[in-house]
Amino acid sequence: MKGKPRTQQKQHRSRRAFLAFLLPSFLGVAVFVLVPFIDVFRRSFTTAVTGEFTGLENYRTIFENGPFRLAVYNTLRFTCICLPLLLILGLAAALMLSQLKQVQLFKSFFLLPMAMPSATIVLVWKMTFSADGFLNRLLETHVDFMWTEDAFWVLVFSYVWKNLGYTVILWLAGILAIPGDFIEAARVDGAGSFRVFWSVMLPQLKGSMYTITVLSFLNSFKVFRESYLVAGAYPHESMYMLQHLFNNWFTYLDLDKMAAAAVCVGGVLLIVILLLQRLWDGGDEQ
């Protein structure tokens, strides 16, 4: 009987220690994330100047707003194109690198694009895609690609190039963590390379895939600095994103519309992440 109270005391101590470590992080999230978002949610139902309650009027206004619809369309289009590209290209590169003996030497090179300042990337953009840039000299044309429909694809290329490195690193960490016995056993049973990848490696990479998908999805909503430095607050309509919209609304102090749009975007992000989590958890149960 004496052992039981001692066990309970240990459990209480470990629980208190867990809460003590968790409390600072929770307070930080509450003060800097939860409380501001609750305030934004409240402001989405009021006017910006007088604070008068207007119900769903702000939401009706943003859904009838042309720039908002354009920004949502461009952002969704951008995400739907870049996310599969990052996943597939990153996985292909990681699979090839995993066969090399000196794979550790290449990791730092893949993170180099993320360490480059945005101003440097913008300078490369201008030197390449402007009317007098390298690409025009190569094609013997005189087109400013940043002010045509091609601007969207330049943005896609820049995002994939900059974020592919950490995607490869995350895939590579998952691949190298797979026990070699699993792969050897499958090969002994006569499985080919594709069968080994599909039936042995890919199920073991679900955790990495979830992490990469969520991070890439969230980062796709943050592609703003480069396009803003290249084309300003009003770029070509093909790359007018939600960040441009929020920046312009903030400039004109349209805080009521900003609040309503932020609530909508935050709700969509939360729903997508929860659906991804449910999808991954459902796959694990099977």
Protein backbone atom coordinates (compact mmCIF):
# COMPACT_ATOMS: atom_id res chain seq x y z
CA MET A 1 0.00 0.00 0.00
CA LYS A 2 2.92 2.31 0.65
CA GLY A 3 4.10 1.92 -2.93
CA LYS A 4 0.83 3.20 -4.35
CA PRO A 5 0.92 6.66 -2.66
CA ARG A 6 4.53 7.05 -3.73
CA THR A 7 3.59 6.24 -7.32
CA GLN A 8 0.75 8.78 -7.17
CA GLN A 9 3.11 11.40 -5.73
CA LYS A 10 5.54 10.82 -8.60
CA GLN A 11 2.70 11.16 -11.08
CA HIS A 12 1.58 14.43 -9.48
CA ARG A 13 5.14 15.78 -9.55
CA SER A 14 5.64 14.85 -13.19
CA ARG A 15 2.27 16.42 -14.00
CA ARG A 16 3.22 19.64 -12.22
CA ALA A 17 6.58 19.70 -13.98
CA PHE A 18 4.83 19.17 -17.33
CA LEU A 19 2.44 22.06 -16.63
CA ALA A 20 5.31 24.27 -15.46
CA PHE A 21 7.14 23.76 -18.76
CA LEU A 22 3.94 24.14 -20.80
CA LEU A 23 2.65 27.29 -19.09
CA PRO A 24 5.13 29.84 -20.56
CA SER A 25 4.49 28.60 -24.08
CA PHE A 26 0.73 28.61 -23.55
CA LEU A 27 0.82 32.14 -22.13
CA GLY A 28 2.83 33.33 -25.12
CA VAL A 29 0.37 31.78 -27.57
CA ALA A 30 -2.60 33.16 -25.62
CA VAL A 31 -1.24 36.72 -25.38
CA PHE A 32 0.18 37.04 -28.88
CA VAL A 33 -2.15 34.78 -30.91
CA LEU A 34 -5.45 33.85 -29.23
CA VAL A 35 -6.34 37.18 -27.64
CA PRO A 36 -5.52 39.24 -30.80
CA PHE A 37 -7.50 36.82 -32.96
CA ILE A 38 -10.51 37.06 -30.63
CA ASP A 39 -10.28 40.85 -30.94
CA VAL A 40 -10.07 40.57 -34.74
CA PHE A 41 -13.13 38.29 -34.70
CA ARG A 42 -15.01 40.92 -32.67
CA ARG A 43 -13.95 43.73 -35.01
CA SER A 44 -15.18 41.77 -38.03
CA PHE A 45 -18.75 42.53 -36.90
CA THR A 46 -18.23 46.27 -36.29
CA THR A 47 -17.34 49.39 -38.24
CA ALA A 48 -13.70 50.50 -38.31
CA VAL A 49 -14.26 54.07 -37.08
CA THR A 50 -17.23 54.08 -34.70
CA GLY A 51 -17.13 50.42 -33.59
CA GLU A 52 -20.85 50.14 -34.30
CA PHE A 53 -22.18 46.57 -34.59
CA THR A 54 -23.04 45.76 -38.21
CA GLY A 55 -23.64 41.99 -38.13
CA LEU A 56 -22.51 40.20 -41.28
CA GLU A 57 -22.25 43.37 -43.35
CA ASN A 58 -18.43 43.28 -43.45
CA TYR A 59 -18.48 39.69 -44.70
CA ARG A 60 -21.01 40.55 -47.40
CA THR A 61 -18.81 43.48 -48.45
CA ILE A 62 -15.62 41.43 -48.88
CA PHE A 63 -17.36 38.64 -50.82
CA GLU A 64 -18.74 41.26 -53.21
CA ASN A 65 -15.32 42.92 -53.50
CA GLY A 66 -13.57 42.27 -56.84
CA PRO A 67 -9.98 42.54 -55.57
CA PHE A 68 -10.78 40.13 -52.74
CA ARG A 69 -12.14 37.52 -55.14
CA LEU A 70 -9.14 38.00 -57.43
CA ALA A 71 -6.70 37.65 -54.53
CA VAL A 72 -8.44 34.50 -53.26
CA TYR A 73 -8.42 32.96 -56.74
CA ASN A 74 -4.74 33.73 -57.33
CA THR A 75 -3.74 32.47 -53.88
CA LEU A 76 -5.66 29.20 -54.28
CA ARG A 77 -4.28 28.73 -57.78
CA PHE A 78 -0.78 29.37 -56.52
CA THR A 79 -1.17 26.91 -53.63
CA CYS A 80 -2.70 24.15 -55.78
CA ILE A 81 0.21 24.36 -58.22
CA CYS A 82 3.12 24.86 -55.83
CA LEU A 83 2.14 22.32 -53.20
CA PRO A 84 2.21 19.24 -55.48
CA LEU A 85 5.38 20.53 -57.16
CA LEU A 86 7.18 20.85 -53.82
CA LEU A 87 6.05 17.44 -52.63
CA ILE A 88 6.94 15.56 -55.81
CA LEU A 89 10.20 17.34 -56.67
CA GLY A 90 11.37 17.24 -53.05
CA LEU A 91 10.64 13.53 -52.71
CA ALA A 92 12.35 12.72 -56.03
CA ALA A 93 15.47 14.68 -55.07
CA ALA A 94 15.55 13.12 -51.58
CA LEU A 95 15.28 9.59 -53.01
CA MET A 96 18.24 10.24 -55.30
CA LEU A 97 20.31 11.84 -52.55
CA SER A 98 19.59 8.99 -50.14
CA GLN A 99 21.60 6.68 -52.43
CA LEU A 100 24.75 8.77 -51.99
CA LYS A 101 27.28 7.94 -49.28
CA GLN A 102 28.21 11.59 -48.62
CA VAL A 103 24.62 12.78 -48.37
CA GLN A 104 25.35 14.90 -45.26
CA LEU A 105 27.63 17.17 -47.29
CA PHE A 106 24.77 18.23 -49.59
CA LYS A 107 22.27 19.26 -46.90
CA SER A 108 23.71 22.72 -46.33
CA PHE A 109 23.60 23.51 -50.07
CA PHE A 110 19.87 22.84 -50.20
CA LEU A 111 19.21 25.36 -47.42
CA LEU A 112 21.19 28.10 -49.18
CA PRO A 113 18.17 29.63 -51.04
CA MET A 114 16.33 30.17 -47.74
CA ALA A 115 19.33 32.06 -46.35
CA MET A 116 19.49 34.47 -49.28
CA PRO A 117 18.03 37.94 -48.60
CA SER A 118 14.86 38.83 -50.46
CA ALA A 119 16.55 41.90 -51.96
CA THR A 120 19.12 39.64 -53.63
CA ILE A 121 16.39 37.45 -55.12
CA VAL A 122 14.55 40.52 -56.39
CA LEU A 123 17.72 41.78 -58.05
CA VAL A 124 18.10 38.44 -59.85
CA TRP A 125 14.47 38.66 -60.95
CA LYS A 126 14.95 42.11 -62.44
CA MET A 127 18.19 41.16 -64.17
CA THR A 128 16.49 38.11 -65.69
CA PHE A 129 12.88 39.01 -66.45
CA SER A 130 12.84 42.79 -67.01
CA ALA A 131 12.50 44.32 -70.47
CA ASP A 132 16.30 44.64 -70.72
CA GLY A 133 17.04 41.42 -68.83
CA PHE A 134 18.98 38.31 -69.74
CA LEU A 135 15.92 36.38 -70.91
CA ASN A 136 14.89 39.10 -73.37
CA ARG A 137 18.41 39.25 -74.76
CA LEU A 138 18.39 35.49 -75.18
CA LEU A 139 14.99 35.50 -76.90
CA GLU A 140 15.73 38.76 -78.77
CA THR A 141 12.51 40.32 -77.45
CA HIS A 142 11.68 43.38 -75.36
CA VAL A 143 8.98 42.25 -72.92
CA ASP A 144 8.77 42.98 -69.20
CA PHE A 145 7.65 39.54 -68.06
CA MET A 146 6.73 40.81 -64.60
CA TRP A 147 3.84 42.75 -66.17
CA THR A 148 2.43 39.92 -68.27
CA GLU A 149 0.58 36.69 -67.46
CA ASP A 150 4.01 35.05 -67.16
CA ALA A 151 4.52 36.94 -63.87
CA PHE A 152 2.49 34.25 -62.08
CA TRP A 153 4.81 31.50 -63.31
CA VAL A 154 7.87 33.52 -62.35
CA LEU A 155 6.41 33.70 -58.85
CA VAL A 156 5.79 29.94 -58.85
CA PHE A 157 9.36 29.26 -59.97
CA SER A 158 10.77 31.56 -57.30
CA TYR A 159 8.69 29.98 -54.51
CA VAL A 160 9.58 26.41 -55.49
CA TRP A 161 13.26 27.27 -55.89
CA LYS A 162 13.41 28.96 -52.49
CA ASN A 163 11.46 26.32 -50.54
CA LEU A 164 12.57 23.13 -52.26
CA GLY A 165 15.68 22.87 -50.08
CA TYR A 166 13.99 22.43 -46.70
CA THR A 167 11.45 20.10 -48.34
CA VAL A 168 14.29 17.85 -49.52
CA ILE A 169 15.85 17.93 -46.03
CA LEU A 170 12.58 16.88 -44.39
CA TRP A 171 11.99 14.09 -46.92
CA LEU A 172 15.59 12.95 -46.53
CA ALA A 173 15.27 12.79 -42.74
CA GLY A 174 12.21 10.57 -43.11
CA ILE A 175 13.88 8.29 -45.67
CA LEU A 176 17.04 7.83 -43.60
CA ALA A 177 14.92 7.00 -40.53
CA ILE A 178 13.33 3.97 -42.25
CA PRO A 179 14.87 0.75 -40.86
CA GLY A 180 17.05 -0.87 -43.49
CA ASP A 181 15.73 -4.32 -42.46
CA PHE A 182 12.30 -3.46 -43.88
CA ILE A 183 13.72 -2.63 -47.28
CA GLU A 184 16.07 -5.63 -47.34
CA ALA A 185 13.24 -7.98 -46.37
CA ALA A 186 11.07 -6.66 -49.20
CA ARG A 187 13.87 -7.11 -51.71
CA VAL A 188 14.52 -10.65 -50.49
CA ASP A 189 10.82 -11.39 -51.09
CA GLY A 190 11.32 -10.31 -54.71
CA ALA A 191 9.87 -6.78 -54.61
CA GLY A 192 11.19 -4.40 -57.26
CA SER A 193 12.32 -0.84 -56.67
CA PHE A 194 8.88 0.67 -57.30
CA ARG A 195 7.18 -1.93 -55.09
CA VAL A 196 9.64 -1.26 -52.28
CA PHE A 197 9.01 2.46 -52.55
CA TRP A 198 5.22 2.18 -52.75
CA SER A 199 4.57 -0.54 -50.17
CA VAL A 200 7.47 -0.11 -47.72
CA MET A 201 8.96 3.39 -47.89
CA LEU A 202 5.92 5.55 -48.62
CA PRO A 203 3.83 4.31 -45.64
CA GLN A 204 6.80 5.04 -43.37
CA LEU A 205 6.98 8.59 -44.75
CA LYS A 206 3.45 9.64 -43.79
CA GLY A 207 4.69 11.72 -40.86
CA SER A 208 7.16 13.57 -43.06
CA MET A 209 4.51 14.06 -45.74
CA TYR A 210 2.08 15.58 -43.24
CA THR A 211 4.71 17.99 -41.89
CA ILE A 212 5.84 19.06 -45.36
CA THR A 213 2.27 19.48 -46.61
CA VAL A 214 1.22 21.69 -43.70
CA LEU A 215 4.39 23.82 -43.77
CA SER A 216 4.27 24.26 -47.54
CA PHE A 217 0.55 25.06 -47.42
CA LEU A 218 1.08 27.76 -44.79
CA ASN A 219 4.16 29.18 -46.54
CA SER A 220 2.25 29.49 -49.81
CA PHE A 221 0.12 32.17 -48.09
CA LYS A 222 3.24 34.17 -47.24
CA VAL A 223 4.69 34.73 -50.72
CA PHE A 224 4.63 38.50 -50.66
CA ARG A 225 8.02 40.15 -50.12
CA GLU A 226 9.56 39.25 -53.47
CA SER A 227 6.54 40.18 -55.58
CA TYR A 228 6.04 43.39 -53.57
CA LEU A 229 9.66 44.49 -54.04
CA VAL A 230 9.48 43.75 -57.77
CA ALA A 231 6.11 45.27 -58.64
CA GLY A 232 4.92 47.21 -55.59
CA ALA A 233 1.51 47.13 -53.94
CA TYR A 234 -0.34 46.70 -57.25
CA PRO A 235 1.47 44.07 -59.37
CA HIS A 236 0.10 42.38 -62.46
CA GLU A 237 -3.29 40.91 -61.61
CA SER A 238 -2.02 37.34 -62.16
CA MET A 239 0.08 37.57 -58.98
CA TYR A 240 -2.15 39.82 -56.87
CA MET A 241 -2.30 37.74 -53.68
CA LEU A 242 -4.12 38.00 -50.36
CA GLN A 243 -1.04 39.61 -48.82
CA HIS A 244 -1.26 42.46 -51.34
CA LEU A 245 -4.92 42.89 -50.50
CA PHE A 246 -4.31 43.02 -46.74
CA ASN A 247 -1.41 45.43 -47.21
CA ASN A 248 -3.52 47.80 -49.33
CA TRP A 249 -6.49 47.64 -46.97
CA PHE A 250 -4.20 48.40 -44.05
CA THR A 251 -2.79 51.38 -45.94
CA TYR A 252 -6.29 52.79 -46.40
CA LEU A 253 -7.31 51.77 -42.84
CA ASP A 254 -10.09 49.45 -44.03
CA LEU A 255 -9.73 47.57 -40.76
CA ASP A 256 -13.28 46.22 -40.74
CA LYS A 257 -12.80 44.51 -44.10
CA MET A 258 -9.36 43.30 -43.02
CA ALA A 259 -10.83 41.71 -39.89
CA ALA A 260 -13.57 39.90 -41.80
CA ALA A 261 -11.14 38.65 -44.43
CA ALA A 262 -8.65 37.53 -41.76
CA VAL A 263 -11.35 35.51 -39.99
CA CYS A 264 -12.32 33.83 -43.26
CA VAL A 265 -8.72 33.01 -44.18
CA GLY A 266 -7.94 31.78 -40.66
CA GLY A 267 -11.04 29.57 -40.69
CA VAL A 268 -10.10 28.04 -44.04
CA LEU A 269 -6.54 27.36 -42.88
CA LEU A 270 -7.79 25.71 -39.70
CA ILE A 271 -10.30 23.54 -41.58
CA VAL A 272 -7.71 22.39 -44.13
CA ILE A 273 -5.16 21.51 -41.42
CA LEU A 274 -7.78 19.59 -39.42
CA LEU A 275 -8.85 17.71 -42.55
CA LEU A 276 -5.23 16.81 -43.30
CA GLN A 277 -4.77 15.63 -39.71
CA ARG A 278 -7.93 13.51 -39.92
CA LEU A 279 -6.81 12.07 -43.24
CA TRP A 280 -3.42 11.07 -41.83
CA ASP A 281 -4.91 9.68 -38.60
CA GLY A 282 -7.46 7.70 -40.58
CA GLY A 283 -4.70 6.20 -42.69
CA ASP A 284 -2.77 5.17 -39.56
CA GLU A 285 -5.83 3.39 -38.11
CA GLN A 286 -6.13 1.32 -41.27
